[in-house]
Amino acid sequence: MKAVLCKEYGPIENLVVEEVPTPEPGPGQVRIDVKAAAVNFPDVLIVQNLYQFKPEPPFSPGGEVSGVVGAVGEGVTHVKPGDRVIGSAGFGGFAEQVVLDAPRVIPIGDHMPFDEAAAFVMVYGTSHHALKQRAELKPGDTLLVLGASGGVGLAAVELGKVMGAKVIAACSSQEKVDVCLKHGADDGFVYPRNPLDRAQQKALSDKIKELTGGKGADVIYDPVGDDYAEPALRAIAWKGRYLVVGFAAGEIPRIPLNLALLKGCQIVGVFWGMFTGVERKLHEENMSELMAWYQEGKIKPFISKRYKLEEAVQALQDMSARKVVGKIVLTT
């Protein structure tokens, strides 16, 4: 089978596509014939040894896939060969076939296209957990989403509306803001690219306050970090919840903790990957709710571009350069 391989940590350009042996499932495992694999920002980080999980090279990046069950190991009963499924891989998904532990494999019906299935679990799972369990988002809250046109950002926009919040989308271009407005955002604005000087940081805070009637945002969803974090936090509402989701802009920000004191707010970490393992039952309940919302047409992955497996380097470069709107996928 073909697989995208990271033979040693380093630049994205060093990835290669090679023939490797077809993996066989062991007890409690499932082999998926991959039809589509989503491209996510952690895939960019993992090949550069910048992510929390550090697989031993050689390995394939790719954290989530969809496809058809090709074979099952002893003890697997919830899926069988021929079933359509989603798989949460962590890594290994940029390949024609992948073997996963059975609990990481979710059956899907014929109503869900493979590309949408591959683009579903990580972004909606992360944003749903962030808004529901970590922020306890309530109807009537104002939700500010930074990096709102990206995968997790656009999922947060959609989910915020489903959960009854007023949603403000912050993006790096008007084109991206327009996408968010089409997906349910109530308002939006363009922020400057980092690095931000003091005047730009103040302008960012002032804009958030303006769009919230001077109150500030009740919940701030931040997958961006860097120079955007502090000015956004300065515009949070009293008793607001600031969600630390990621650092796509580059640097991990250093937040003056007096802001948390002055705002009476919470700075809340969101680590969905750990959540799915530590609180598996709650994760399963979340996924059931998300699948129901998908079937009801309340949420739907926006896939802006599809690439062939051999184009994985270009897909990851586009993701790294923040050119991606919504989701992109590889197809086999």
C-alpha atoms as a PDB file:
ATOM      1  CA  MET A   1       0.000   0.000   0.000  1.00  0.00           C
ATOM      2  CA  LYS A   2       1.023   3.650  -0.391  1.00  0.00           C
ATOM      3  CA  ALA A   3       1.723   5.820   2.633  1.00  0.00           C
ATOM      4  CA  VAL A   4       3.033   9.322   3.316  1.00  0.00           C
ATOM      5  CA  LEU A   5       6.115   8.834   5.503  1.00  0.00           C
ATOM      6  CA  CYS A   6       7.993  11.050   7.914  1.00  0.00           C
ATOM      7  CA  LYS A   7      11.345   9.280   8.065  1.00  0.00           C
ATOM      8  CA  GLU A   8      12.883  11.837  10.408  1.00  0.00           C
ATOM      9  CA  TYR A   9      11.550  14.944  12.121  1.00  0.00           C
ATOM     10  CA  GLY A  10      12.015  18.078  10.066  1.00  0.00           C
ATOM     11  CA  PRO A  11      10.489  20.267   7.369  1.00  0.00           C
ATOM     12  CA  ILE A  12       7.202  19.297   5.729  1.00  0.00           C
ATOM     13  CA  GLU A  13       9.039  19.091   2.390  1.00  0.00           C
ATOM     14  CA  ASN A  14      10.958  16.023   3.605  1.00  0.00           C
ATOM     15  CA  LEU A  15       7.857  13.821   3.595  1.00  0.00           C
ATOM     16  CA  VAL A  16       7.808  11.076   0.969  1.00  0.00           C
ATOM     17  CA  VAL A  17       5.195   8.729  -0.492  1.00  0.00           C
ATOM     18  CA  GLU A  18       6.334   5.100  -0.582  1.00  0.00           C
ATOM     19  CA  GLU A  19       5.032   1.554  -0.765  1.00  0.00           C
ATOM     20  CA  VAL A  20       4.905  -0.123   2.670  1.00  0.00           C
ATOM     21  CA  PRO A  21       3.566  -3.496   3.846  1.00  0.00           C
ATOM     22  CA  THR A  22      -0.186  -3.768   4.414  1.00  0.00           C
ATOM     23  CA  PRO A  23      -0.809  -3.779   8.185  1.00  0.00           C
ATOM     24  CA  GLU A  24      -2.715  -6.649   9.798  1.00  0.00           C
ATOM     25  CA  PRO A  25      -5.104  -6.075  12.718  1.00  0.00           C
ATOM     26  CA  GLY A  26      -4.326  -7.798  15.996  1.00  0.00           C
ATOM     27  CA  PRO A  27      -6.817  -8.701  18.731  1.00  0.00           C
ATOM     28  CA  GLY A  28      -9.175  -5.797  19.393  1.00  0.00           C
ATOM     29  CA  GLN A  29      -8.075  -3.918  16.274  1.00  0.00           C
ATOM     30  CA  VAL A  30      -9.635  -2.849  12.969  1.00  0.00           C
ATOM     31  CA  ARG A  31      -8.020  -2.304   9.576  1.00  0.00           C
ATOM     32  CA  ILE A  32      -9.604   0.518   7.582  1.00  0.00           C
ATOM     33  CA  ASP A  33      -9.281   0.890   3.826  1.00  0.00           C
ATOM     34  CA  VAL A  34      -8.925   4.677   3.833  1.00  0.00           C
ATOM     35  CA  LYS A  35     -11.112   6.705   1.485  1.00  0.00           C
ATOM     36  CA  ALA A  36     -10.355  10.161   2.923  1.00  0.00           C
ATOM     37  CA  ALA A  37      -8.041  11.630   5.565  1.00  0.00           C
ATOM     38  CA  ALA A  38      -8.506  15.079   7.047  1.00  0.00           C
ATOM     39  CA  VAL A  39      -5.581  17.491   7.267  1.00  0.00           C
ATOM     40  CA  ASN A  40      -5.331  19.293  10.610  1.00  0.00           C
ATOM     41  CA  PHE A  41      -2.863  21.737  12.127  1.00  0.00           C
ATOM     42  CA  PRO A  42      -1.461  19.086  14.526  1.00  0.00           C
ATOM     43  CA  ASP A  43      -0.334  17.166  11.426  1.00  0.00           C
ATOM     44  CA  VAL A  44       1.915  20.113  10.578  1.00  0.00           C
ATOM     45  CA  LEU A  45       3.379  20.110  14.076  1.00  0.00           C
ATOM     46  CA  ILE A  46       3.833  16.373  14.527  1.00  0.00           C
ATOM     47  CA  VAL A  47       6.237  15.959  11.577  1.00  0.00           C
ATOM     48  CA  GLN A  48       8.377  18.786  12.986  1.00  0.00           C
ATOM     49  CA  ASN A  49       8.472  17.237  16.491  1.00  0.00           C
ATOM     50  CA  LEU A  50       6.504  20.202  17.860  1.00  0.00           C
ATOM     51  CA  TYR A  51       3.395  18.357  19.054  1.00  0.00           C
ATOM     52  CA  GLN A  52       2.461  16.761  22.387  1.00  0.00           C
ATOM     53  CA  PHE A  53       2.538  13.268  20.862  1.00  0.00           C
ATOM     54  CA  LYS A  54       5.891  12.232  19.416  1.00  0.00           C
ATOM     55  CA  PRO A  55       5.713   9.013  17.377  1.00  0.00           C
ATOM     56  CA  GLU A  56       8.973   7.285  16.504  1.00  0.00           C
ATOM     57  CA  PRO A  57       9.953   7.775  12.840  1.00  0.00           C
ATOM     58  CA  PRO A  58       9.236   6.439  10.317  1.00  0.00           C
ATOM     59  CA  PHE A  59       5.521   7.141  10.651  1.00  0.00           C
ATOM     60  CA  SER A  60       2.647   8.598   8.668  1.00  0.00           C
ATOM     61  CA  PRO A  61       0.943  11.774   9.884  1.00  0.00           C
ATOM     62  CA  GLY A  62      -2.843  12.004   9.718  1.00  0.00           C
ATOM     63  CA  GLY A  63      -5.070  12.026  12.768  1.00  0.00           C
ATOM     64  CA  GLU A  64      -8.511  11.218  11.361  1.00  0.00           C
ATOM     65  CA  VAL A  65      -9.743   9.079   8.508  1.00  0.00           C
ATOM     66  CA  SER A  66     -12.860   7.606   7.001  1.00  0.00           C
ATOM     67  CA  GLY A  67     -13.260   4.500   4.914  1.00  0.00           C
ATOM     68  CA  VAL A  68     -14.430   0.908   4.812  1.00  0.00           C
ATOM     69  CA  VAL A  69     -13.502  -1.840   7.274  1.00  0.00           C
ATOM     70  CA  GLY A  70     -11.146  -4.239   5.494  1.00  0.00           C
ATOM     71  CA  ALA A  71     -10.498  -6.682   8.342  1.00  0.00           C
ATOM     72  CA  VAL A  72     -11.065  -7.026  12.085  1.00  0.00           C
ATOM     73  CA  GLY A  73      -9.078  -8.724  14.806  1.00  0.00           C
ATOM     74  CA  GLU A  74     -10.266 -11.167  17.419  1.00  0.00           C
ATOM     75  CA  GLY A  75     -12.867  -9.771  19.807  1.00  0.00           C
ATOM     76  CA  VAL A  76     -14.120  -6.930  17.598  1.00  0.00           C
ATOM     77  CA  THR A  77     -17.908  -7.033  17.393  1.00  0.00           C
ATOM     78  CA  HIS A  78     -19.207  -3.491  16.779  1.00  0.00           C
ATOM     79  CA  VAL A  79     -17.960  -3.352  13.160  1.00  0.00           C
ATOM     80  CA  LYS A  80     -17.353  -5.935  10.425  1.00  0.00           C
ATOM     81  CA  PRO A  81     -15.657  -5.969   7.014  1.00  0.00           C
ATOM     82  CA  GLY A  82     -17.524  -3.764   4.555  1.00  0.00           C
ATOM     83  CA  ASP A  83     -18.838  -1.314   7.174  1.00  0.00           C
ATOM     84  CA  ARG A  84     -18.405   2.417   6.556  1.00  0.00           C
ATOM     85  CA  VAL A  85     -16.517   4.025   9.475  1.00  0.00           C
ATOM     86  CA  ILE A  86     -14.668   7.027  10.894  1.00  0.00           C
ATOM     87  CA  GLY A  87     -11.337   6.416  12.589  1.00  0.00           C
ATOM     88  CA  SER A  88      -9.459   8.597  15.088  1.00  0.00           C
ATOM     89  CA  ALA A  89      -5.840   7.716  14.466  1.00  0.00           C
ATOM     90  CA  GLY A  90      -3.682  10.287  16.264  1.00  0.00           C
ATOM     91  CA  PHE A  91      -1.204   9.580  13.465  1.00  0.00           C
ATOM     92  CA  GLY A  92      -0.899   7.054  10.658  1.00  0.00           C
ATOM     93  CA  GLY A  93      -3.887   8.184   8.614  1.00  0.00           C
ATOM     94  CA  PHE A  94      -2.100   9.474   5.502  1.00  0.00           C
ATOM     95  CA  ALA A  95      -2.034   6.001   3.977  1.00  0.00           C
ATOM     96  CA  GLU A  96      -4.205   3.700   1.906  1.00  0.00           C
ATOM     97  CA  GLN A  97      -4.820   1.506   4.953  1.00  0.00           C
ATOM     98  CA  VAL A  98      -4.482   1.978   8.688  1.00  0.00           C
ATOM     99  CA  VAL A  99      -4.959  -0.251  11.734  1.00  0.00           C
ATOM    100  CA  LEU A 100      -6.645   1.237  14.793  1.00  0.00           C
ATOM    101  CA  ASP A 101      -7.785  -0.001  18.182  1.00  0.00           C
ATOM    102  CA  ALA A 102     -11.484  -0.821  17.954  1.00  0.00           C
ATOM    103  CA  PRO A 103     -12.702   1.923  20.359  1.00  0.00           C
ATOM    104  CA  ARG A 104     -11.245   4.496  17.941  1.00  0.00           C
ATOM    105  CA  VAL A 105     -13.533   3.316  15.133  1.00  0.00           C
ATOM    106  CA  ILE A 106     -17.073   4.715  14.801  1.00  0.00           C
ATOM    107  CA  PRO A 107     -19.641   3.240  12.379  1.00  0.00           C
ATOM    108  CA  ILE A 108     -21.402   5.693  10.074  1.00  0.00           C
ATOM    109  CA  GLY A 109     -24.394   5.356   7.807  1.00  0.00           C
ATOM    110  CA  ASP A 110     -24.622   5.744   4.061  1.00  0.00           C
ATOM    111  CA  HIS A 111     -25.891   9.323   4.501  1.00  0.00           C
ATOM    112  CA  MET A 112     -22.426  10.681   5.395  1.00  0.00           C
ATOM    113  CA  PRO A 113     -19.949  11.166   2.515  1.00  0.00           C
ATOM    114  CA  PHE A 114     -16.419   9.953   3.212  1.00  0.00           C
ATOM    115  CA  ASP A 115     -14.850  13.414   2.887  1.00  0.00           C
ATOM    116  CA  GLU A 116     -17.274  14.948   5.398  1.00  0.00           C
ATOM    117  CA  ALA A 117     -16.830  11.969   7.719  1.00  0.00           C
ATOM    118  CA  ALA A 118     -13.042  12.362   7.727  1.00  0.00           C
ATOM    119  CA  ALA A 119     -13.399  16.072   8.460  1.00  0.00           C
ATOM    120  CA  PHE A 120     -15.862  15.675  11.310  1.00  0.00           C
ATOM    121  CA  VAL A 121     -14.590  14.168  14.534  1.00  0.00           C
ATOM    122  CA  MET A 122     -11.550  16.231  15.521  1.00  0.00           C
ATOM    123  CA  VAL A 123     -12.829  19.748  14.813  1.00  0.00           C
ATOM    124  CA  TYR A 124     -16.389  19.263  16.035  1.00  0.00           C
ATOM    125  CA  GLY A 125     -15.229  17.078  18.931  1.00  0.00           C
ATOM    126  CA  THR A 126     -12.711  19.707  20.064  1.00  0.00           C
ATOM    127  CA  SER A 127     -15.070  22.655  19.723  1.00  0.00           C
ATOM    128  CA  HIS A 128     -18.043  20.859  21.272  1.00  0.00           C
ATOM    129  CA  HIS A 129     -16.004  19.773  24.305  1.00  0.00           C
ATOM    130  CA  ALA A 130     -14.567  23.286  24.595  1.00  0.00           C
ATOM    131  CA  LEU A 131     -17.918  25.070  24.488  1.00  0.00           C
ATOM    132  CA  LYS A 132     -19.997  22.544  26.407  1.00  0.00           C
ATOM    133  CA  GLN A 133     -17.775  21.127  29.146  1.00  0.00           C
ATOM    134  CA  ARG A 134     -15.047  23.753  29.475  1.00  0.00           C
ATOM    135  CA  ALA A 135     -16.881  27.040  28.837  1.00  0.00           C
ATOM    136  CA  GLU A 136     -20.394  25.889  29.827  1.00  0.00           C
ATOM    137  CA  LEU A 137     -21.729  28.091  27.022  1.00  0.00           C
ATOM    138  CA  LYS A 138     -25.299  29.214  27.659  1.00  0.00           C
ATOM    139  CA  PRO A 139     -28.020  30.585  25.366  1.00  0.00           C
ATOM    140  CA  GLY A 140     -27.607  34.345  25.170  1.00  0.00           C
ATOM    141  CA  ASP A 141     -23.850  34.306  25.816  1.00  0.00           C
ATOM    142  CA  THR A 142     -21.605  36.196  23.426  1.00  0.00           C
ATOM    143  CA  LEU A 143     -18.950  33.926  21.896  1.00  0.00           C
ATOM    144  CA  LEU A 144     -15.873  35.394  20.199  1.00  0.00           C
ATOM    145  CA  VAL A 145     -14.026  32.955  17.943  1.00  0.00           C
ATOM    146  CA  LEU A 146     -10.465  33.819  16.915  1.00  0.00           C
ATOM    147  CA  GLY A 147      -9.194  32.161  13.746  1.00  0.00           C
ATOM    148  CA  ALA A 148     -12.860  31.572  13.016  1.00  0.00           C
ATOM    149  CA  SER A 149     -12.501  30.386   9.415  1.00  0.00           C
ATOM    150  CA  GLY A 150     -10.181  27.490  10.238  1.00  0.00           C
ATOM    151  CA  GLY A 151     -11.293  23.942  10.965  1.00  0.00           C
ATOM    152  CA  VAL A 152     -11.932  24.149  14.698  1.00  0.00           C
ATOM    153  CA  GLY A 153     -12.887  27.827  14.428  1.00  0.00           C
ATOM    154  CA  LEU A 154     -15.655  27.290  11.892  1.00  0.00           C
ATOM    155  CA  ALA A 155     -16.907  24.313  13.900  1.00  0.00           C
ATOM    156  CA  ALA A 156     -17.038  26.586  16.963  1.00  0.00           C
ATOM    157  CA  VAL A 157     -19.034  29.165  14.984  1.00  0.00           C
ATOM    158  CA  GLU A 158     -21.609  26.563  13.947  1.00  0.00           C
ATOM    159  CA  LEU A 159     -21.818  24.957  17.377  1.00  0.00           C
ATOM    160  CA  GLY A 160     -22.079  28.319  19.118  1.00  0.00           C
ATOM    161  CA  LYS A 161     -25.182  29.087  17.066  1.00  0.00           C
ATOM    162  CA  VAL A 162     -26.681  25.634  17.737  1.00  0.00           C
ATOM    163  CA  MET A 163     -26.119  26.225  21.467  1.00  0.00           C
ATOM    164  CA  GLY A 164     -27.886  29.605  21.360  1.00  0.00           C
ATOM    165  CA  ALA A 165     -24.977  32.049  21.594  1.00  0.00           C
ATOM    166  CA  LYS A 166     -24.355  35.285  19.715  1.00  0.00           C
ATOM    167  CA  VAL A 167     -21.237  34.520  17.658  1.00  0.00           C
ATOM    168  CA  ILE A 168     -18.573  37.006  16.566  1.00  0.00           C
ATOM    169  CA  ALA A 169     -15.992  35.734  14.071  1.00  0.00           C
ATOM    170  CA  ALA A 170     -12.471  37.199  13.984  1.00  0.00           C
ATOM    171  CA  CYS A 171     -10.387  36.363  10.901  1.00  0.00           C
ATOM    172  CA  SER A 172      -7.357  37.538   8.953  1.00  0.00           C
ATOM    173  CA  SER A 173      -9.310  38.572   5.821  1.00  0.00           C
ATOM    174  CA  GLN A 174     -12.757  39.750   4.817  1.00  0.00           C
ATOM    175  CA  GLU A 175     -13.146  36.705   2.575  1.00  0.00           C
ATOM    176  CA  LYS A 176     -12.757  34.485   5.620  1.00  0.00           C
ATOM    177  CA  VAL A 177     -15.174  36.609   7.647  1.00  0.00           C
ATOM    178  CA  ASP A 178     -17.736  36.212   4.856  1.00  0.00           C
ATOM    179  CA  VAL A 179     -17.414  32.420   5.046  1.00  0.00           C
ATOM    180  CA  CYS A 180     -18.117  32.567   8.776  1.00  0.00           C
ATOM    181  CA  LEU A 181     -21.164  34.770   8.244  1.00  0.00           C
ATOM    182  CA  LYS A 182     -22.518  32.199   5.790  1.00  0.00           C
ATOM    183  CA  HIS A 183     -22.049  29.528   8.448  1.00  0.00           C
ATOM    184  CA  GLY A 184     -24.035  31.336  11.116  1.00  0.00           C
ATOM    185  CA  ALA A 185     -21.832  34.018  12.668  1.00  0.00           C
ATOM    186  CA  ASP A 186     -23.819  37.087  13.735  1.00  0.00           C
ATOM    187  CA  ASP A 187     -20.952  39.485  13.182  1.00  0.00           C
ATOM    188  CA  GLY A 188     -17.288  39.489  12.288  1.00  0.00           C
ATOM    189  CA  PHE A 189     -14.198  41.576  11.744  1.00  0.00           C
ATOM    190  CA  VAL A 190     -10.711  41.418  10.263  1.00  0.00           C
ATOM    191  CA  TYR A 191      -7.710  41.559  12.569  1.00  0.00           C
ATOM    192  CA  PRO A 192      -4.159  42.380  11.427  1.00  0.00           C
ATOM    193  CA  ARG A 193      -1.576  39.674  10.947  1.00  0.00           C
ATOM    194  CA  ASN A 194       0.922  39.246  13.757  1.00  0.00           C
ATOM    195  CA  PRO A 195       3.190  40.588  15.074  1.00  0.00           C
ATOM    196  CA  LEU A 196       0.904  43.267  16.470  1.00  0.00           C
ATOM    197  CA  ASP A 197       2.231  46.522  17.867  1.00  0.00           C
ATOM    198  CA  ARG A 198       0.662  48.194  20.901  1.00  0.00           C
ATOM    199  CA  ALA A 199      -1.698  50.313  18.830  1.00  0.00           C
ATOM    200  CA  GLN A 200      -2.958  47.269  16.926  1.00  0.00           C
ATOM    201  CA  GLN A 201      -3.445  45.313  20.138  1.00  0.00           C
ATOM    202  CA  LYS A 202      -5.503  48.140  21.611  1.00  0.00           C
ATOM    203  CA  ALA A 203      -7.508  48.388  18.386  1.00  0.00           C
ATOM    204  CA  LEU A 204      -8.264  44.671  18.616  1.00  0.00           C
ATOM    205  CA  SER A 205      -9.503  45.007  22.205  1.00  0.00           C
ATOM    206  CA  ASP A 206     -11.554  48.072  21.298  1.00  0.00           C
ATOM    207  CA  LYS A 207     -13.187  46.295  18.354  1.00  0.00           C
ATOM    208  CA  ILE A 208     -14.275  43.374  20.521  1.00  0.00           C
ATOM    209  CA  LYS A 209     -15.729  45.770  23.090  1.00  0.00           C
ATOM    210  CA  GLU A 210     -17.500  47.714  20.353  1.00  0.00           C
ATOM    211  CA  LEU A 211     -19.162  44.587  18.950  1.00  0.00           C
ATOM    212  CA  THR A 212     -20.256  43.477  22.417  1.00  0.00           C
ATOM    213  CA  GLY A 213     -21.760  46.808  23.435  1.00  0.00           C
ATOM    214  CA  GLY A 214     -18.902  47.533  25.810  1.00  0.00           C
ATOM    215  CA  LYS A 215     -19.542  44.406  27.893  1.00  0.00           C
ATOM    216  CA  GLY A 216     -16.899  42.154  26.372  1.00  0.00           C
ATOM    217  CA  ALA A 217     -17.225  38.553  25.211  1.00  0.00           C
ATOM    218  CA  ASP A 218     -18.588  35.992  27.662  1.00  0.00           C
ATOM    219  CA  VAL A 219     -16.561  33.220  26.028  1.00  0.00           C
ATOM    220  CA  ILE A 220     -13.423  33.591  23.897  1.00  0.00           C
ATOM    221  CA  TYR A 221     -12.389  30.596  21.796  1.00  0.00           C
ATOM    222  CA  ASP A 222      -8.691  30.921  20.950  1.00  0.00           C
ATOM    223  CA  PRO A 223      -6.891  28.437  18.683  1.00  0.00           C
ATOM    224  CA  VAL A 224      -4.499  31.199  17.550  1.00  0.00           C
ATOM    225  CA  GLY A 225      -2.478  32.423  20.554  1.00  0.00           C
ATOM    226  CA  ASP A 226       0.596  34.609  20.040  1.00  0.00           C
ATOM    227  CA  ASP A 227      -0.021  38.381  19.954  1.00  0.00           C
ATOM    228  CA  TYR A 228      -3.805  37.978  19.803  1.00  0.00           C
ATOM    229  CA  ALA A 229      -4.296  36.388  23.214  1.00  0.00           C
ATOM    230  CA  GLU A 230      -3.639  39.309  25.567  1.00  0.00           C
ATOM    231  CA  PRO A 231      -5.717  41.960  23.728  1.00  0.00           C
ATOM    232  CA  ALA A 232      -8.574  39.473  23.394  1.00  0.00           C
ATOM    233  CA  LEU A 233      -8.420  38.668  27.098  1.00  0.00           C
ATOM    234  CA  ARG A 234      -8.504  42.391  27.876  1.00  0.00           C
ATOM    235  CA  ALA A 235     -11.883  42.470  26.128  1.00  0.00           C
ATOM    236  CA  ILE A 236     -13.454  39.564  28.018  1.00  0.00           C
ATOM    237  CA  ALA A 237     -16.610  40.089  30.048  1.00  0.00           C
ATOM    238  CA  TRP A 238     -16.803  39.901  33.836  1.00  0.00           C
ATOM    239  CA  LYS A 239     -16.690  36.204  34.796  1.00  0.00           C
ATOM    240  CA  GLY A 240     -15.855  35.330  31.194  1.00  0.00           C
ATOM    241  CA  ARG A 241     -14.248  32.069  30.097  1.00  0.00           C
ATOM    242  CA  TYR A 242     -11.128  32.179  27.931  1.00  0.00           C
ATOM    243  CA  LEU A 243     -10.581  28.894  26.087  1.00  0.00           C
ATOM    244  CA  VAL A 244      -6.959  28.011  25.305  1.00  0.00           C
ATOM    245  CA  VAL A 245      -7.313  25.728  22.270  1.00  0.00           C
ATOM    246  CA  GLY A 246      -4.017  26.110  20.397  1.00  0.00           C
ATOM    247  CA  PHE A 247      -1.282  28.364  19.066  1.00  0.00           C
ATOM    248  CA  ALA A 248      -1.654  28.419  15.278  1.00  0.00           C
ATOM    249  CA  ALA A 249      -0.072  31.886  15.016  1.00  0.00           C
ATOM    250  CA  GLY A 250       3.209  30.556  16.357  1.00  0.00           C
ATOM    251  CA  GLU A 251       4.266  31.633  19.832  1.00  0.00           C
ATOM    252  CA  ILE A 252       2.708  30.489  23.093  1.00  0.00           C
ATOM    253  CA  PRO A 253       1.587  33.742  24.741  1.00  0.00           C
ATOM    254  CA  ARG A 254       2.594  34.846  28.228  1.00  0.00           C
ATOM    255  CA  ILE A 255      -0.541  36.224  29.858  1.00  0.00           C
ATOM    256  CA  PRO A 256      -0.361  38.834  32.674  1.00  0.00           C
ATOM    257  CA  LEU A 257      -2.336  37.024  35.366  1.00  0.00           C
ATOM    258  CA  ASN A 258      -3.569  40.287  36.842  1.00  0.00           C
ATOM    259  CA  LEU A 259      -6.046  40.325  33.929  1.00  0.00           C
ATOM    260  CA  ALA A 260      -7.710  37.193  35.284  1.00  0.00           C
ATOM    261  CA  LEU A 261      -7.991  38.919  38.655  1.00  0.00           C
ATOM    262  CA  LEU A 262      -9.372  42.186  37.258  1.00  0.00           C
ATOM    263  CA  LYS A 263     -11.896  40.429  35.009  1.00  0.00           C
ATOM    264  CA  GLY A 264     -12.917  37.756  37.503  1.00  0.00           C
ATOM    265  CA  CYS A 265     -12.509  35.407  34.558  1.00  0.00           C
ATOM    266  CA  GLN A 266     -11.347  31.867  33.963  1.00  0.00           C
ATOM    267  CA  ILE A 267      -8.499  30.844  31.654  1.00  0.00           C
ATOM    268  CA  VAL A 268      -9.448  27.310  30.684  1.00  0.00           C
ATOM    269  CA  GLY A 269      -7.324  24.734  28.877  1.00  0.00           C
ATOM    270  CA  VAL A 270      -8.868  22.558  26.170  1.00  0.00           C
ATOM    271  CA  PHE A 271      -7.065  19.272  25.446  1.00  0.00           C
ATOM    272  CA  TRP A 272      -9.592  17.201  23.535  1.00  0.00           C
ATOM    273  CA  GLY A 273      -7.178  14.339  22.849  1.00  0.00           C
ATOM    274  CA  MET A 274      -6.652  13.711  26.566  1.00  0.00           C
ATOM    275  CA  PHE A 275     -10.369  14.193  27.261  1.00  0.00           C
ATOM    276  CA  THR A 276     -11.341  11.406  24.856  1.00  0.00           C
ATOM    277  CA  GLY A 277      -9.232   8.908  26.792  1.00  0.00           C
ATOM    278  CA  VAL A 278      -9.769  10.058  30.370  1.00  0.00           C
ATOM    279  CA  GLU A 279     -13.508  10.721  30.039  1.00  0.00           C
ATOM    280  CA  ARG A 280     -14.432   8.219  27.345  1.00  0.00           C
ATOM    281  CA  LYS A 281     -18.110   7.879  28.302  1.00  0.00           C
ATOM    282  CA  LEU A 282     -18.638  11.636  28.177  1.00  0.00           C
ATOM    283  CA  HIS A 283     -16.780  11.765  24.855  1.00  0.00           C
ATOM    284  CA  GLU A 284     -19.107   9.100  23.450  1.00  0.00           C
ATOM    285  CA  GLU A 285     -22.117  11.110  24.615  1.00  0.00           C
ATOM    286  CA  ASN A 286     -20.681  14.192  22.911  1.00  0.00           C
ATOM    287  CA  MET A 287     -20.192  12.299  19.655  1.00  0.00           C
ATOM    288  CA  SER A 288     -23.760  10.985  19.764  1.00  0.00           C
ATOM    289  CA  GLU A 289     -25.052  14.533  20.149  1.00  0.00           C
ATOM    290  CA  LEU A 290     -22.845  15.784  17.305  1.00  0.00           C
ATOM    291  CA  MET A 291     -23.955  12.982  14.993  1.00  0.00           C
ATOM    292  CA  ALA A 292     -27.585  13.801  15.763  1.00  0.00           C
ATOM    293  CA  TRP A 293     -26.979  17.477  14.933  1.00  0.00           C
ATOM    294  CA  TYR A 294     -25.292  16.449  11.678  1.00  0.00           C
ATOM    295  CA  GLN A 295     -28.245  14.267  10.671  1.00  0.00           C
ATOM    296  CA  GLU A 296     -30.612  17.124  11.512  1.00  0.00           C
ATOM    297  CA  GLY A 297     -28.622  19.428   9.223  1.00  0.00           C
ATOM    298  CA  LYS A 298     -27.537  21.760  12.043  1.00  0.00           C
ATOM    299  CA  ILE A 299     -23.811  21.270  11.409  1.00  0.00           C
ATOM    300  CA  LYS A 300     -21.882  20.296   8.283  1.00  0.00           C
ATOM    301  CA  PRO A 301     -18.134  20.287   7.573  1.00  0.00           C
ATOM    302  CA  PHE A 302     -17.090  22.889   5.008  1.00  0.00           C
ATOM    303  CA  ILE A 303     -14.448  21.282   2.794  1.00  0.00           C
ATOM    304  CA  SER A 304     -12.706  23.932   0.755  1.00  0.00           C
ATOM    305  CA  LYS A 305     -10.252  21.696  -1.128  1.00  0.00           C
ATOM    306  CA  ARG A 306      -9.453  18.053  -1.773  1.00  0.00           C
ATOM    307  CA  TYR A 307      -5.954  16.706  -2.502  1.00  0.00           C
ATOM    308  CA  LYS A 308      -4.630  13.348  -3.633  1.00  0.00           C
ATOM    309  CA  LEU A 309      -2.482  11.358  -1.217  1.00  0.00           C
ATOM    310  CA  GLU A 310       0.556  12.248  -3.330  1.00  0.00           C
ATOM    311  CA  GLU A 311      -0.195  15.944  -2.709  1.00  0.00           C
ATOM    312  CA  ALA A 312       0.136  15.672   1.068  1.00  0.00           C
ATOM    313  CA  VAL A 313       3.139  18.009   1.213  1.00  0.00           C
ATOM    314  CA  GLN A 314       1.233  20.758  -0.589  1.00  0.00           C
ATOM    315  CA  ALA A 315      -1.798  20.257   1.659  1.00  0.00           C
ATOM    316  CA  LEU A 316       0.338  20.566   4.796  1.00  0.00           C
ATOM    317  CA  GLN A 317       2.142  23.609   3.391  1.00  0.00           C
ATOM    318  CA  ASP A 318      -1.208  25.290   2.757  1.00  0.00           C
ATOM    319  CA  MET A 319      -2.270  24.465   6.305  1.00  0.00           C
ATOM    320  CA  SER A 320       1.003  25.793   7.736  1.00  0.00           C
ATOM    321  CA  ALA A 321       0.670  29.040   5.745  1.00  0.00           C
ATOM    322  CA  ARG A 322      -2.865  29.537   7.110  1.00  0.00           C
ATOM    323  CA  LYS A 323      -4.320  29.478   3.609  1.00  0.00           C
ATOM    324  CA  VAL A 324      -6.998  26.958   4.541  1.00  0.00           C
ATOM    325  CA  VAL A 325     -10.631  27.925   5.027  1.00  0.00           C
ATOM    326  CA  GLY A 326     -12.710  25.291   6.783  1.00  0.00           C
ATOM    327  CA  LYS A 327     -11.300  21.816   6.180  1.00  0.00           C
ATOM    328  CA  ILE A 328      -9.104  20.152   3.577  1.00  0.00           C
ATOM    329  CA  VAL A 329      -8.819  16.412   2.997  1.00  0.00           C
ATOM    330  CA  LEU A 330      -6.629  13.859   1.220  1.00  0.00           C
ATOM    331  CA  THR A 331      -8.365  11.228  -0.873  1.00  0.00           C
ATOM    332  CA  THR A 332      -6.993   7.833  -1.862  1.00  0.00           C
END
